Amino acid sequence: MTYQLNLLCGCTIDYERGRMLDASGVTFCPLHAAAPLMLEALKNEAIGLANMAAMVDPVETEDRMTSVYAAIAAAEKKVE
């Protein structure tokens, strides 16, 4: 018998009682589905900012870079 677990974010997990969960039964909500794309966009922004650093205000660039790197680090953190 298949069960469905509805998470608060909108993701759903289909599973059978007593069986190991795998990713094939996960349906992601729009936010979690977009997360890998947002992470890549942040990485691209970091590259662009680094390339522009010599042409713009170094203090402003450093502030923006700090925010971008903090977001990338948070997104890449492994959840245990």
N, C-alpha and C. Protein backbone atom coordinates (compact mmCIF):
# COMPACT_ATOMS: atom_id res chain seq x y z
N MET A 1 0.85 -1.18 0.00
CA MET A 1 0.00 0.00 0.00
C MET A 1 0.89 1.24 0.00
N THR A 2 0.56 2.21 -0.85
CA THR A 2 1.35 3.43 -0.97
C THR A 2 0.71 4.54 -0.15
N TYR A 3 1.55 5.26 0.59
CA TYR A 3 1.12 6.38 1.40
C TYR A 3 1.73 7.65 0.84
N GLN A 4 1.14 8.80 1.19
CA GLN A 4 1.70 10.07 0.77
C GLN A 4 1.88 10.97 1.99
N LEU A 5 3.08 11.50 2.13
CA LEU A 5 3.40 12.43 3.20
C LEU A 5 3.45 13.82 2.59
N ASN A 6 2.59 14.73 3.05
CA ASN A 6 2.55 16.11 2.56
C ASN A 6 3.31 17.00 3.53
N LEU A 7 4.39 17.62 3.07
CA LEU A 7 5.19 18.49 3.91
C LEU A 7 4.63 19.91 3.88
N LEU A 8 4.95 20.69 4.90
CA LEU A 8 4.42 22.04 5.02
C LEU A 8 4.80 22.95 3.85
N CYS A 9 5.96 22.72 3.27
CA CYS A 9 6.43 23.57 2.16
C CYS A 9 5.68 23.29 0.87
N GLY A 10 5.04 22.14 0.76
CA GLY A 10 4.35 21.75 -0.46
C GLY A 10 4.94 20.53 -1.13
N CYS A 11 6.13 20.12 -0.70
CA CYS A 11 6.72 18.88 -1.23
C CYS A 11 5.87 17.70 -0.77
N THR A 12 5.87 16.64 -1.57
CA THR A 12 5.18 15.41 -1.17
C THR A 12 6.13 14.23 -1.33
N ILE A 13 5.95 13.23 -0.49
CA ILE A 13 6.75 12.02 -0.55
C ILE A 13 5.80 10.83 -0.60
N ASP A 14 5.91 10.04 -1.65
CA ASP A 14 5.14 8.80 -1.77
C ASP A 14 6.03 7.66 -1.27
N TYR A 15 5.48 6.81 -0.43
CA TYR A 15 6.28 5.71 0.12
C TYR A 15 5.38 4.52 0.46
N GLU A 16 6.03 3.38 0.61
CA GLU A 16 5.34 2.18 1.06
C GLU A 16 5.84 1.87 2.45
N ARG A 17 4.93 1.53 3.33
CA ARG A 17 5.30 1.24 4.72
C ARG A 17 6.31 0.10 4.76
N GLY A 18 7.40 0.33 5.51
CA GLY A 18 8.42 -0.70 5.68
C GLY A 18 9.48 -0.73 4.60
N ARG A 19 9.37 0.11 3.58
CA ARG A 19 10.36 0.14 2.50
C ARG A 19 11.23 1.37 2.63
N MET A 20 12.46 1.24 2.16
CA MET A 20 13.42 2.34 2.19
C MET A 20 12.96 3.47 1.27
N LEU A 21 13.03 4.71 1.73
CA LEU A 21 12.67 5.85 0.90
C LEU A 21 13.78 6.12 -0.12
N ASP A 22 13.39 6.52 -1.31
CA ASP A 22 14.37 6.99 -2.29
C ASP A 22 13.81 8.23 -2.98
N ALA A 23 14.63 8.89 -3.75
CA ALA A 23 14.24 10.17 -4.35
C ALA A 23 13.15 10.04 -5.40
N SER A 24 12.89 8.85 -5.91
CA SER A 24 11.90 8.70 -6.97
C SER A 24 10.49 9.03 -6.49
N GLY A 25 10.24 8.95 -5.20
CA GLY A 25 8.91 9.23 -4.68
C GLY A 25 8.72 10.65 -4.20
N VAL A 26 9.68 11.54 -4.47
CA VAL A 26 9.60 12.92 -3.99
C VAL A 26 9.12 13.84 -5.11
N THR A 27 8.09 14.63 -4.80
CA THR A 27 7.64 15.69 -5.69
C THR A 27 7.94 17.01 -4.98
N PHE A 28 8.79 17.82 -5.59
CA PHE A 28 9.24 19.04 -4.94
C PHE A 28 8.26 20.19 -5.14
N CYS A 29 8.15 21.04 -4.12
CA CYS A 29 7.39 22.28 -4.24
C CYS A 29 8.20 23.23 -5.13
N PRO A 30 7.60 24.31 -5.63
CA PRO A 30 8.32 25.22 -6.53
C PRO A 30 9.61 25.78 -5.92
N LEU A 31 9.61 26.11 -4.65
CA LEU A 31 10.82 26.67 -4.02
C LEU A 31 11.96 25.66 -4.02
N HIS A 32 11.71 24.43 -3.58
CA HIS A 32 12.76 23.42 -3.54
C HIS A 32 13.17 22.96 -4.93
N ALA A 33 12.25 22.99 -5.88
CA ALA A 33 12.61 22.64 -7.26
C ALA A 33 13.55 23.69 -7.86
N ALA A 34 13.38 24.94 -7.47
CA ALA A 34 14.19 26.03 -8.01
C ALA A 34 15.53 26.20 -7.28
N ALA A 35 15.69 25.59 -6.13
CA ALA A 35 16.89 25.80 -5.32
C ALA A 35 18.21 25.54 -6.06
N PRO A 36 18.36 24.44 -6.81
CA PRO A 36 19.63 24.24 -7.53
C PRO A 36 19.90 25.33 -8.57
N LEU A 37 18.85 25.82 -9.22
CA LEU A 37 19.01 26.89 -10.20
C LEU A 37 19.43 28.20 -9.51
N MET A 38 18.84 28.47 -8.35
CA MET A 38 19.20 29.67 -7.61
C MET A 38 20.65 29.61 -7.13
N LEU A 39 21.11 28.44 -6.72
CA LEU A 39 22.49 28.29 -6.30
C LEU A 39 23.44 28.56 -7.46
N GLU A 40 23.14 28.04 -8.63
CA GLU A 40 23.98 28.30 -9.80
C GLU A 40 23.99 29.78 -10.16
N ALA A 41 22.83 30.44 -10.03
CA ALA A 41 22.77 31.88 -10.31
C ALA A 41 23.65 32.65 -9.33
N LEU A 42 23.65 32.26 -8.06
CA LEU A 42 24.51 32.91 -7.08
C LEU A 42 25.98 32.72 -7.42
N LYS A 43 26.33 31.51 -7.83
CA LYS A 43 27.73 31.25 -8.19
C LYS A 43 28.14 32.11 -9.39
N ASN A 44 27.25 32.24 -10.37
CA ASN A 44 27.54 33.08 -11.53
C ASN A 44 27.66 34.54 -11.14
N GLU A 45 26.83 34.99 -10.21
CA GLU A 45 26.91 36.36 -9.71
C GLU A 45 28.25 36.60 -9.03
N ALA A 46 28.73 35.62 -8.28
CA ALA A 46 30.03 35.76 -7.60
C ALA A 46 31.15 35.92 -8.62
N ILE A 47 31.08 35.17 -9.69
CA ILE A 47 32.11 35.27 -10.74
C ILE A 47 32.05 36.65 -11.40
N GLY A 48 30.84 37.10 -11.69
CA GLY A 48 30.68 38.42 -12.31
C GLY A 48 31.18 39.53 -11.42
N LEU A 49 30.85 39.45 -10.13
CA LEU A 49 31.31 40.48 -9.19
C LEU A 49 32.82 40.48 -9.06
N ALA A 50 33.40 39.32 -9.04
CA ALA A 50 34.86 39.24 -8.93
C ALA A 50 35.52 39.88 -10.15
N ASN A 51 34.94 39.66 -11.33
CA ASN A 51 35.49 40.25 -12.55
C ASN A 51 35.33 41.76 -12.59
N MET A 52 34.27 42.29 -11.97
CA MET A 52 34.02 43.73 -11.99
C MET A 52 34.70 44.46 -10.83
N ALA A 53 35.26 43.76 -9.89
CA ALA A 53 35.77 44.37 -8.66
C ALA A 53 36.76 45.51 -8.92
N ALA A 54 37.58 45.38 -9.93
CA ALA A 54 38.58 46.41 -10.21
C ALA A 54 37.94 47.67 -10.80
N MET A 55 36.74 47.54 -11.38
CA MET A 55 36.12 48.67 -12.07
C MET A 55 35.14 49.46 -11.20
N VAL A 56 34.74 48.93 -10.06
CA VAL A 56 33.73 49.59 -9.22
C VAL A 56 34.28 49.83 -7.82
N ASP A 57 33.44 50.36 -6.99
CA ASP A 57 33.80 50.66 -5.61
C ASP A 57 34.15 49.37 -4.87
N PRO A 58 35.39 49.23 -4.41
CA PRO A 58 35.80 47.98 -3.74
C PRO A 58 35.00 47.67 -2.48
N VAL A 59 34.58 48.69 -1.73
CA VAL A 59 33.81 48.46 -0.50
C VAL A 59 32.45 47.89 -0.83
N GLU A 60 31.78 48.47 -1.82
CA GLU A 60 30.46 47.97 -2.23
C GLU A 60 30.58 46.54 -2.77
N THR A 61 31.60 46.30 -3.57
CA THR A 61 31.81 44.96 -4.12
C THR A 61 32.06 43.95 -3.02
N GLU A 62 32.86 44.32 -2.03
CA GLU A 62 33.14 43.39 -0.92
C GLU A 62 31.88 43.06 -0.15
N ASP A 63 31.02 44.05 0.10
CA ASP A 63 29.75 43.80 0.80
C ASP A 63 28.87 42.84 0.00
N ARG A 64 28.77 43.05 -1.30
CA ARG A 64 27.96 42.17 -2.14
C ARG A 64 28.55 40.77 -2.19
N MET A 65 29.85 40.69 -2.30
CA MET A 65 30.52 39.37 -2.36
C MET A 65 30.31 38.60 -1.07
N THR A 66 30.37 39.29 0.07
CA THR A 66 30.16 38.64 1.36
C THR A 66 28.77 38.01 1.42
N SER A 67 27.76 38.75 0.96
CA SER A 67 26.39 38.23 0.95
C SER A 67 26.26 37.03 0.03
N VAL A 68 26.85 37.11 -1.14
CA VAL A 68 26.75 36.02 -2.11
C VAL A 68 27.45 34.77 -1.58
N TYR A 69 28.66 34.94 -1.04
CA TYR A 69 29.39 33.78 -0.52
C TYR A 69 28.68 33.16 0.69
N ALA A 70 28.05 33.98 1.52
CA ALA A 70 27.31 33.44 2.66
C ALA A 70 26.11 32.62 2.19
N ALA A 71 25.42 33.10 1.16
CA ALA A 71 24.28 32.36 0.62
C ALA A 71 24.73 31.05 -0.02
N ILE A 72 25.84 31.07 -0.74
CA ILE A 72 26.35 29.85 -1.37
C ILE A 72 26.75 28.83 -0.30
N ALA A 73 27.44 29.30 0.74
CA ALA A 73 27.85 28.39 1.82
C ALA A 73 26.65 27.77 2.51
N ALA A 74 25.62 28.56 2.76
CA ALA A 74 24.41 28.03 3.41
C ALA A 74 23.71 27.00 2.53
N ALA A 75 23.67 27.26 1.23
CA ALA A 75 22.99 26.34 0.30
C ALA A 75 23.76 25.04 0.11
N GLU A 76 25.07 25.09 0.24
CA GLU A 76 25.87 23.89 0.03
C GLU A 76 26.09 23.09 1.31
N LYS A 77 25.61 23.62 2.44
CA LYS A 77 25.79 22.91 3.71
C LYS A 77 25.03 21.59 3.68
N LYS A 78 25.70 20.54 4.09
CA LYS A 78 25.08 19.20 4.10
C LYS A 78 24.20 19.09 5.35
N VAL A 79 23.01 18.59 5.16
CA VAL A 79 22.07 18.35 6.25
C VAL A 79 22.19 16.91 6.69
N GLU A 80 22.37 16.70 7.96
CA GLU A 80 22.49 15.33 8.47
C GLU A 80 21.25 14.91 9.23
